[in-house]
C-alpha atoms as a PDB file:
ATOM      1  CA  MET A   1    -118.844  65.686  11.457  1.00  0.00           C
ATOM      2  CA  THR A   2    -118.026  68.579   9.108  1.00  0.00           C
ATOM      3  CA  THR A   3    -115.287  68.522   6.574  1.00  0.00           C
ATOM      4  CA  LEU A   4    -114.935  72.281   6.377  1.00  0.00           C
ATOM      5  CA  GLY A   5    -111.749  73.776   7.687  1.00  0.00           C
ATOM      6  CA  GLY A   6    -111.418  75.542  10.947  1.00  0.00           C
ATOM      7  CA  VAL A   7    -111.384  79.346  11.194  1.00  0.00           C
ATOM      8  CA  LEU A   8    -109.791  81.591  13.802  1.00  0.00           C
ATOM      9  CA  VAL A   9    -111.808  84.754  14.512  1.00  0.00           C
ATOM     10  CA  VAL A  10    -109.762  87.388  16.338  1.00  0.00           C
ATOM     11  CA  GLY A  11    -111.873  90.072  17.956  1.00  0.00           C
ATOM     12  CA  ALA A  12    -114.789  87.690  18.021  1.00  0.00           C
ATOM     13  CA  THR A  13    -116.764  89.674  20.569  1.00  0.00           C
ATOM     14  CA  SER A  14    -116.937  92.818  18.427  1.00  0.00           C
ATOM     15  CA  GLY A  15    -120.155  93.297  16.525  1.00  0.00           C
ATOM     16  CA  MET A  16    -118.612  92.260  13.254  1.00  0.00           C
ATOM     17  CA  GLY A  17    -116.752  89.394  14.877  1.00  0.00           C
ATOM     18  CA  ARG A  18    -119.942  87.944  16.328  1.00  0.00           C
ATOM     19  CA  ALA A  19    -121.823  88.198  13.013  1.00  0.00           C
ATOM     20  CA  ILE A  20    -118.987  86.647  11.077  1.00  0.00           C
ATOM     21  CA  ALA A  21    -118.486  83.800  13.563  1.00  0.00           C
ATOM     22  CA  ARG A  22    -122.178  83.040  13.547  1.00  0.00           C
ATOM     23  CA  GLN A  23    -122.287  82.926   9.757  1.00  0.00           C
ATOM     24  CA  LEU A  24    -119.144  80.751   9.503  1.00  0.00           C
ATOM     25  CA  ALA A  25    -120.718  78.369  12.088  1.00  0.00           C
ATOM     26  CA  LYS A  26    -123.908  78.131  10.023  1.00  0.00           C
ATOM     27  CA  GLU A  27    -121.786  77.125   7.058  1.00  0.00           C
ATOM     28  CA  GLY A  28    -120.294  74.388   9.271  1.00  0.00           C
ATOM     29  CA  HIS A  29    -116.760  75.750   9.954  1.00  0.00           C
ATOM     30  CA  PRO A  30    -115.359  74.813  13.390  1.00  0.00           C
ATOM     31  CA  LEU A  31    -114.308  78.003  15.131  1.00  0.00           C
ATOM     32  CA  LEU A  32    -111.666  79.254  17.531  1.00  0.00           C
ATOM     33  CA  LEU A  33    -112.852  82.557  18.913  1.00  0.00           C
ATOM     34  CA  ALA A  34    -110.113  84.866  20.225  1.00  0.00           C
ATOM     35  CA  GLY A  35    -110.030  88.111  22.180  1.00  0.00           C
ATOM     36  CA  ARG A  36    -109.438  89.684  25.593  1.00  0.00           C
ATOM     37  CA  ASP A  37    -112.824  89.102  27.243  1.00  0.00           C
ATOM     38  CA  THR A  38    -112.735  85.373  27.842  1.00  0.00           C
ATOM     39  CA  GLN A  39    -116.143  85.360  29.600  1.00  0.00           C
ATOM     40  CA  ALA A  40    -117.835  86.965  26.605  1.00  0.00           C
ATOM     41  CA  LEU A  41    -115.926  84.555  24.298  1.00  0.00           C
ATOM     42  CA  ASP A  42    -117.156  81.571  26.338  1.00  0.00           C
ATOM     43  CA  GLU A  43    -120.744  82.821  26.111  1.00  0.00           C
ATOM     44  CA  LEU A  44    -120.465  83.309  22.371  1.00  0.00           C
ATOM     45  CA  ALA A  45    -118.894  79.885  21.863  1.00  0.00           C
ATOM     46  CA  THR A  46    -121.733  78.236  23.829  1.00  0.00           C
ATOM     47  CA  ASP A  47    -124.360  80.166  21.930  1.00  0.00           C
ATOM     48  CA  ILE A  48    -122.804  79.204  18.598  1.00  0.00           C
ATOM     49  CA  GLN A  49    -122.667  75.540  19.557  1.00  0.00           C
ATOM     50  CA  ILE A  50    -126.225  75.464  20.619  1.00  0.00           C
ATOM     51  CA  ARG A  51    -127.612  77.370  17.633  1.00  0.00           C
ATOM     52  CA  SER A  52    -125.513  75.785  14.911  1.00  0.00           C
ATOM     53  CA  ASN A  53    -124.313  72.473  16.328  1.00  0.00           C
ATOM     54  CA  THR A  54    -120.849  73.490  15.219  1.00  0.00           C
ATOM     55  CA  LYS A  55    -117.690  73.196  17.305  1.00  0.00           C
ATOM     56  CA  ALA A  56    -116.678  76.538  18.795  1.00  0.00           C
ATOM     57  CA  ASP A  57    -113.986  77.172  21.374  1.00  0.00           C
ATOM     58  CA  CYS A  58    -112.203  80.215  22.631  1.00  0.00           C
ATOM     59  CA  LYS A  59    -108.673  81.384  23.332  1.00  0.00           C
ATOM     60  CA  ALA A  60    -107.353  84.521  25.037  1.00  0.00           C
ATOM     61  CA  PHE A  61    -105.458  86.987  22.797  1.00  0.00           C
ATOM     62  CA  GLU A  62    -103.689  90.106  23.821  1.00  0.00           C
ATOM     63  CA  ALA A  63    -103.061  92.359  20.806  1.00  0.00           C
ATOM     64  CA  LEU A  64    -100.273  94.311  22.454  1.00  0.00           C
ATOM     65  CA  ASP A  65     -98.305  91.318  23.664  1.00  0.00           C
ATOM     66  CA  PHE A  66     -96.415  91.032  20.401  1.00  0.00           C
ATOM     67  CA  ASP A  67     -93.925  88.534  21.873  1.00  0.00           C
ATOM     68  CA  SER A  68     -96.810  86.061  22.477  1.00  0.00           C
ATOM     69  CA  HIS A  69     -98.233  86.223  18.919  1.00  0.00           C
ATOM     70  CA  THR A  70     -96.139  83.405  17.495  1.00  0.00           C
ATOM     71  CA  GLU A  71     -96.986  81.052  20.353  1.00  0.00           C
ATOM     72  CA  PHE A  72    -100.657  82.076  20.146  1.00  0.00           C
ATOM     73  CA  PHE A  73    -100.837  81.467  16.393  1.00  0.00           C
ATOM     74  CA  ASP A  74     -99.033  78.146  16.566  1.00  0.00           C
ATOM     75  CA  ALA A  75    -101.422  76.947  19.332  1.00  0.00           C
ATOM     76  CA  CYS A  76    -104.356  77.913  17.124  1.00  0.00           C
ATOM     77  CA  VAL A  77    -102.950  75.911  14.207  1.00  0.00           C
ATOM     78  CA  GLU A  78    -102.351  72.991  16.521  1.00  0.00           C
ATOM     79  CA  TYR A  79    -105.903  73.247  17.860  1.00  0.00           C
ATOM     80  CA  PHE A  80    -107.144  72.465  14.338  1.00  0.00           C
ATOM     81  CA  GLY A  81    -104.634  69.658  13.943  1.00  0.00           C
ATOM     82  CA  GLY A  82    -102.510  71.755  11.594  1.00  0.00           C
ATOM     83  CA  SER A  83    -105.403  72.411   9.194  1.00  0.00           C
ATOM     84  CA  LEU A  84    -106.338  76.011   9.978  1.00  0.00           C
ATOM     85  CA  HIS A  85    -108.395  77.160   7.042  1.00  0.00           C
ATOM     86  CA  GLY A  86    -108.767  80.837   7.613  1.00  0.00           C
ATOM     87  CA  VAL A  87    -108.180  83.837   9.900  1.00  0.00           C
ATOM     88  CA  VAL A  88    -110.617  86.708  10.296  1.00  0.00           C
ATOM     89  CA  LEU A  89    -109.220  89.734  12.137  1.00  0.00           C
ATOM     90  CA  CYS A  90    -111.782  92.218  13.435  1.00  0.00           C
ATOM     91  CA  HIS A  91    -110.377  93.699  16.617  1.00  0.00           C
ATOM     92  CA  GLY A  92    -109.492  97.269  17.287  1.00  0.00           C
ATOM     93  CA  GLN A  93    -110.047 100.326  19.408  1.00  0.00           C
ATOM     94  CA  MET A  94    -111.136 103.853  18.726  1.00  0.00           C
ATOM     95  CA  PRO A  95    -110.492 106.358  21.512  1.00  0.00           C
ATOM     96  CA  GLU A  96    -112.126 109.731  21.479  1.00  0.00           C
ATOM     97  CA  GLN A  97    -110.656 111.972  18.706  1.00  0.00           C
ATOM     98  CA  ASP A  98    -109.827 114.905  20.956  1.00  0.00           C
ATOM     99  CA  VAL A  99    -107.927 112.601  23.361  1.00  0.00           C
ATOM    100  CA  SER A 100    -105.990 111.015  20.489  1.00  0.00           C
ATOM    101  CA  GLU A 101    -104.972 114.380  19.176  1.00  0.00           C
ATOM    102  CA  THR A 102    -103.627 115.635  22.484  1.00  0.00           C
ATOM    103  CA  ASP A 103    -102.211 112.492  24.138  1.00  0.00           C
ATOM    104  CA  PHE A 104     -99.567 110.712  22.056  1.00  0.00           C
ATOM    105  CA  ALA A 105     -99.576 107.633  24.298  1.00  0.00           C
ATOM    106  CA  ILE A 106    -103.282 107.121  23.527  1.00  0.00           C
ATOM    107  CA  ALA A 107    -102.672 107.630  19.814  1.00  0.00           C
ATOM    108  CA  ARG A 108     -99.724 105.272  19.872  1.00  0.00           C
ATOM    109  CA  ARG A 109    -101.710 102.567  21.630  1.00  0.00           C
ATOM    110  CA  MET A 110    -104.463 102.872  19.024  1.00  0.00           C
ATOM    111  CA  ILE A 111    -101.911 102.442  16.262  1.00  0.00           C
ATOM    112  CA  GLU A 112    -100.288  99.472  17.971  1.00  0.00           C
ATOM    113  CA  VAL A 113    -103.669  97.758  18.507  1.00  0.00           C
ATOM    114  CA  ASN A 114    -105.305  98.597  15.232  1.00  0.00           C
ATOM    115  CA  TYR A 115    -102.291  98.278  12.886  1.00  0.00           C
ATOM    116  CA  LEU A 116     -99.150  96.736  14.352  1.00  0.00           C
ATOM    117  CA  SER A 117    -100.934  93.794  16.080  1.00  0.00           C
ATOM    118  CA  GLY A 118    -102.673  92.980  12.850  1.00  0.00           C
ATOM    119  CA  VAL A 119     -99.391  93.061  10.905  1.00  0.00           C
ATOM    120  CA  SER A 120     -97.806  90.822  13.497  1.00  0.00           C
ATOM    121  CA  LEU A 121    -100.526  88.192  13.587  1.00  0.00           C
ATOM    122  CA  LEU A 122    -101.509  88.284   9.887  1.00  0.00           C
ATOM    123  CA  ASN A 123     -97.870  87.911   8.781  1.00  0.00           C
ATOM    124  CA  LEU A 124     -97.793  84.636  10.720  1.00  0.00           C
ATOM    125  CA  ALA A 125    -101.031  83.537   9.090  1.00  0.00           C
ATOM    126  CA  ALA A 126     -99.840  84.487   5.565  1.00  0.00           C
ATOM    127  CA  HIS A 127     -96.660  82.464   5.953  1.00  0.00           C
ATOM    128  CA  HIS A 128     -98.675  79.465   7.214  1.00  0.00           C
ATOM    129  CA  PHE A 129    -101.169  79.638   4.363  1.00  0.00           C
ATOM    130  CA  GLU A 130     -98.407  80.216   1.795  1.00  0.00           C
ATOM    131  CA  SER A 131     -96.580  77.061   2.967  1.00  0.00           C
ATOM    132  CA  ARG A 132     -99.858  75.090   2.709  1.00  0.00           C
ATOM    133  CA  LYS A 133    -100.805  76.760  -0.562  1.00  0.00           C
ATOM    134  CA  SER A 134    -104.343  77.310   0.769  1.00  0.00           C
ATOM    135  CA  GLY A 135    -106.278  79.329   3.303  1.00  0.00           C
ATOM    136  CA  PHE A 136    -107.669  82.802   3.621  1.00  0.00           C
ATOM    137  CA  ILE A 137    -107.212  85.986   5.569  1.00  0.00           C
ATOM    138  CA  ALA A 138    -109.954  88.553   6.079  1.00  0.00           C
ATOM    139  CA  ALA A 139    -109.121  91.798   7.910  1.00  0.00           C
ATOM    140  CA  ILE A 140    -112.115  93.957   8.894  1.00  0.00           C
ATOM    141  CA  THR A 141    -111.191  97.607   9.385  1.00  0.00           C
ATOM    142  CA  SER A 142    -112.965 100.824  10.170  1.00  0.00           C
ATOM    143  CA  VAL A 143    -115.241 102.659   7.808  1.00  0.00           C
ATOM    144  CA  ALA A 144    -113.147 105.712   8.607  1.00  0.00           C
ATOM    145  CA  GLY A 145    -111.234 105.229   5.353  1.00  0.00           C
ATOM    146  CA  ASP A 146    -114.573 105.793   3.604  1.00  0.00           C
ATOM    147  CA  ARG A 147    -116.154 108.325   5.985  1.00  0.00           C
ATOM    148  CA  GLY A 148    -115.032 109.820   9.284  1.00  0.00           C
ATOM    149  CA  ARG A 149    -117.093 109.758  12.421  1.00  0.00           C
ATOM    150  CA  GLN A 150    -119.484 112.729  12.811  1.00  0.00           C
ATOM    151  CA  SER A 151    -117.421 114.249  15.616  1.00  0.00           C
ATOM    152  CA  ASN A 152    -114.366 114.490  13.411  1.00  0.00           C
END
């Protein structure tokens, strides 16, 4: 049995999320994989367990259901018996640029998913780790801050 702390990976079915989850599992961290697509999460958890012999489970997470974030985070901490070691956030959405520029509802949804949901969830994680005086947060974002997509 591993002594490494458990890690919550939010957006685990994204390309980056999958790669990070697999690497953490290779290192021996038990994982809780979170996202919207529970079938894909189940498949990833099974694959990780088979390949790395590391505990991996999944939990549904809805980024825009802000009122559920506290309950979600508390359940994740409880899953690891209170010893959550880290949170990796790598979820998001990127609608077509021309649609975002002309439809405020689409732009607003993108901001709520990509920014506000992260603030909501990671504030909970930060307070948890601060009270424990240990833990880590990793937030994976778009390369758009470095370079825009070609169509832009």
